[in-house]
Amino acid sequence: MGRHPGAAALDNPRRKEDIIESTLVELAELQTRLIRASGCAGVCYDVLQESFEGVAATINDLVKARGTMAQCHVALSEAKQRIPGLRTVSWGDGNPCPKTGQADLRVVA
């Protein structure tokens, strides 16, 4: 039986957070390089202003996403104390669970 496509992410639950943090580091380096390039080239601020704003907006959005993910971890941690089986990982066809079980069974001789 093959693995579920999301199984790799379940093997390392911090993978998404690690990606966000490494992207933040790379964007900070990009912003530093833009500042150095601007200084070395002796260009006016307005030449690279749009790039500065784009990098800054992206960093801001990623910081907000990181905070939202942290809040989700806290909420799930609190919820798992009250909901049995919350930490259990499962997947299916996406339909809600039925209130009662029902199946067509046949006797095979």
C-alpha atoms as a PDB file:
ATOM      1  CA  MET A   1       0.000   0.000   0.000  1.00  0.00           C
ATOM      2  CA  GLY A   2       1.374   3.436  -0.974  1.00  0.00           C
ATOM      3  CA  ARG A   3       1.824   6.320   1.373  1.00  0.00           C
ATOM      4  CA  HIS A   4      -0.631   9.185   1.541  1.00  0.00           C
ATOM      5  CA  PRO A   5       0.739  12.282  -0.275  1.00  0.00           C
ATOM      6  CA  GLY A   6       0.698  14.252   2.987  1.00  0.00           C
ATOM      7  CA  ALA A   7       2.603  11.580   4.922  1.00  0.00           C
ATOM      8  CA  ALA A   8       5.997  13.216   4.359  1.00  0.00           C
ATOM      9  CA  ALA A   9       4.798  16.410   6.044  1.00  0.00           C
ATOM     10  CA  LEU A  10       3.536  14.344   8.983  1.00  0.00           C
ATOM     11  CA  ASP A  11       6.991  12.802   9.420  1.00  0.00           C
ATOM     12  CA  ASN A  12       8.408  16.250  10.212  1.00  0.00           C
ATOM     13  CA  PRO A  13       5.737  18.596  11.586  1.00  0.00           C
ATOM     14  CA  ARG A  14       8.179  21.531  11.832  1.00  0.00           C
ATOM     15  CA  ARG A  15       9.010  21.434   8.125  1.00  0.00           C
ATOM     16  CA  LYS A  16       6.721  24.340   7.210  1.00  0.00           C
ATOM     17  CA  GLU A  17       7.998  26.504  10.058  1.00  0.00           C
ATOM     18  CA  ASP A  18      11.586  25.744   9.032  1.00  0.00           C
ATOM     19  CA  ILE A  19      10.812  26.787   5.454  1.00  0.00           C
ATOM     20  CA  ILE A  20       9.327  30.089   6.628  1.00  0.00           C
ATOM     21  CA  GLU A  21      12.319  30.811   8.866  1.00  0.00           C
ATOM     22  CA  SER A  22      14.901  29.996   6.189  1.00  0.00           C
ATOM     23  CA  THR A  23      12.973  32.189   3.730  1.00  0.00           C
ATOM     24  CA  LEU A  24      13.035  35.049   6.258  1.00  0.00           C
ATOM     25  CA  VAL A  25      16.829  34.707   6.507  1.00  0.00           C
ATOM     26  CA  GLU A  26      17.204  34.721   2.713  1.00  0.00           C
ATOM     27  CA  LEU A  27      14.959  37.779   2.343  1.00  0.00           C
ATOM     28  CA  ALA A  28      16.952  39.643   4.999  1.00  0.00           C
ATOM     29  CA  GLU A  29      20.121  38.824   3.047  1.00  0.00           C
ATOM     30  CA  LEU A  30      18.469  40.041  -0.158  1.00  0.00           C
ATOM     31  CA  GLN A  31      17.523  43.320   1.494  1.00  0.00           C
ATOM     32  CA  THR A  32      21.105  43.755   2.728  1.00  0.00           C
ATOM     33  CA  ARG A  33      22.425  43.139  -0.798  1.00  0.00           C
ATOM     34  CA  LEU A  34      19.977  45.675  -2.226  1.00  0.00           C
ATOM     35  CA  ILE A  35      21.283  48.286   0.226  1.00  0.00           C
ATOM     36  CA  ARG A  36      24.909  47.488  -0.633  1.00  0.00           C
ATOM     37  CA  ALA A  37      24.202  47.479  -4.372  1.00  0.00           C
ATOM     38  CA  SER A  38      22.446  50.825  -4.093  1.00  0.00           C
ATOM     39  CA  GLY A  39      25.398  52.308  -2.209  1.00  0.00           C
ATOM     40  CA  CYS A  40      28.040  50.874  -4.548  1.00  0.00           C
ATOM     41  CA  ALA A  41      26.193  51.973  -7.667  1.00  0.00           C
ATOM     42  CA  GLY A  42      25.517  55.419  -6.245  1.00  0.00           C
ATOM     43  CA  VAL A  43      21.911  55.395  -7.413  1.00  0.00           C
ATOM     44  CA  CYS A  44      19.042  57.442  -6.010  1.00  0.00           C
ATOM     45  CA  TYR A  45      16.767  55.845  -3.443  1.00  0.00           C
ATOM     46  CA  ASP A  46      13.826  55.799  -5.811  1.00  0.00           C
ATOM     47  CA  VAL A  47      15.576  53.385  -8.214  1.00  0.00           C
ATOM     48  CA  LEU A  48      15.336  50.449  -5.805  1.00  0.00           C
ATOM     49  CA  GLN A  49      12.462  51.698  -3.623  1.00  0.00           C
ATOM     50  CA  GLU A  50       9.889  49.338  -5.159  1.00  0.00           C
ATOM     51  CA  SER A  51      12.221  46.395  -4.538  1.00  0.00           C
ATOM     52  CA  PHE A  52      12.775  47.457  -0.931  1.00  0.00           C
ATOM     53  CA  GLU A  53       9.037  47.742  -0.352  1.00  0.00           C
ATOM     54  CA  GLY A  54       8.351  44.366  -1.974  1.00  0.00           C
ATOM     55  CA  VAL A  55      10.950  42.566   0.136  1.00  0.00           C
ATOM     56  CA  ALA A  56       9.772  44.339   3.298  1.00  0.00           C
ATOM     57  CA  ALA A  57       6.113  43.469   2.598  1.00  0.00           C
ATOM     58  CA  THR A  58       7.026  39.834   1.976  1.00  0.00           C
ATOM     59  CA  ILE A  59       9.028  39.663   5.216  1.00  0.00           C
ATOM     60  CA  ASN A  60       6.106  41.220   7.097  1.00  0.00           C
ATOM     61  CA  ASP A  61       3.635  38.718   5.625  1.00  0.00           C
ATOM     62  CA  LEU A  62       5.883  35.766   6.492  1.00  0.00           C
ATOM     63  CA  VAL A  63       6.310  37.019  10.066  1.00  0.00           C
ATOM     64  CA  LYS A  64       2.512  37.218  10.376  1.00  0.00           C
ATOM     65  CA  ALA A  65       2.150  33.686   8.938  1.00  0.00           C
ATOM     66  CA  ARG A  66       4.762  32.412  11.415  1.00  0.00           C
ATOM     67  CA  GLY A  67       2.815  33.978  14.289  1.00  0.00           C
ATOM     68  CA  THR A  68      -0.462  32.517  13.053  1.00  0.00           C
ATOM     69  CA  MET A  69       1.093  29.046  12.858  1.00  0.00           C
ATOM     70  CA  ALA A  70       2.388  29.439  16.418  1.00  0.00           C
ATOM     71  CA  GLN A  71      -1.109  30.390  17.596  1.00  0.00           C
ATOM     72  CA  CYS A  72      -2.507  27.300  15.852  1.00  0.00           C
ATOM     73  CA  HIS A  73       0.027  25.084  17.645  1.00  0.00           C
ATOM     74  CA  VAL A  74      -1.048  26.575  20.991  1.00  0.00           C
ATOM     75  CA  ALA A  75      -4.752  26.118  20.188  1.00  0.00           C
ATOM     76  CA  LEU A  76      -4.235  22.514  19.065  1.00  0.00           C
ATOM     77  CA  SER A  77      -2.128  21.771  22.127  1.00  0.00           C
ATOM     78  CA  GLU A  78      -4.919  23.035  24.377  1.00  0.00           C
ATOM     79  CA  ALA A  79      -7.629  21.246  22.379  1.00  0.00           C
ATOM     80  CA  LYS A  80      -5.863  17.873  22.458  1.00  0.00           C
ATOM     81  CA  GLN A  81      -6.213  17.927  26.247  1.00  0.00           C
ATOM     82  CA  ARG A  82     -10.006  17.984  25.890  1.00  0.00           C
ATOM     83  CA  ILE A  83     -10.672  16.009  22.705  1.00  0.00           C
ATOM     84  CA  PRO A  84      -9.725  12.309  22.756  1.00  0.00           C
ATOM     85  CA  GLY A  85      -7.876  11.179  19.643  1.00  0.00           C
ATOM     86  CA  LEU A  86      -7.135  14.686  18.359  1.00  0.00           C
ATOM     87  CA  ARG A  87      -3.487  13.798  17.855  1.00  0.00           C
ATOM     88  CA  THR A  88      -4.512  10.789  15.772  1.00  0.00           C
ATOM     89  CA  VAL A  89      -3.779  11.386  12.117  1.00  0.00           C
ATOM     90  CA  SER A  90      -6.234  10.111   9.547  1.00  0.00           C
ATOM     91  CA  TRP A  91      -7.599  11.014   6.174  1.00  0.00           C
ATOM     92  CA  GLY A  92     -10.419   9.922   3.975  1.00  0.00           C
ATOM     93  CA  ASP A  93     -12.681  11.121   1.228  1.00  0.00           C
ATOM     94  CA  GLY A  94     -13.370  14.474   2.896  1.00  0.00           C
ATOM     95  CA  ASN A  95     -16.993  13.689   3.737  1.00  0.00           C
ATOM     96  CA  PRO A  96     -18.166  14.236   7.310  1.00  0.00           C
ATOM     97  CA  CYS A  97     -18.429  11.186   9.535  1.00  0.00           C
ATOM     98  CA  PRO A  98     -21.893   9.599   9.541  1.00  0.00           C
ATOM     99  CA  LYS A  99     -23.932   9.709  12.766  1.00  0.00           C
ATOM    100  CA  THR A 100     -24.675   5.969  12.505  1.00  0.00           C
ATOM    101  CA  GLY A 101     -22.893   3.173  10.721  1.00  0.00           C
ATOM    102  CA  GLN A 102     -24.504   1.381   7.821  1.00  0.00           C
ATOM    103  CA  ALA A 103     -23.269  -1.135   5.303  1.00  0.00           C
ATOM    104  CA  ASP A 104     -24.780  -3.560   2.828  1.00  0.00           C
ATOM    105  CA  LEU A 105     -23.547  -6.966   3.892  1.00  0.00           C
ATOM    106  CA  ARG A 106     -24.033 -10.207   2.002  1.00  0.00           C
ATOM    107  CA  VAL A 107     -23.462 -13.735   3.178  1.00  0.00           C
ATOM    108  CA  VAL A 108     -21.016 -15.524   0.901  1.00  0.00           C
ATOM    109  CA  ALA A 109     -20.945 -19.313   1.114  1.00  0.00           C
END
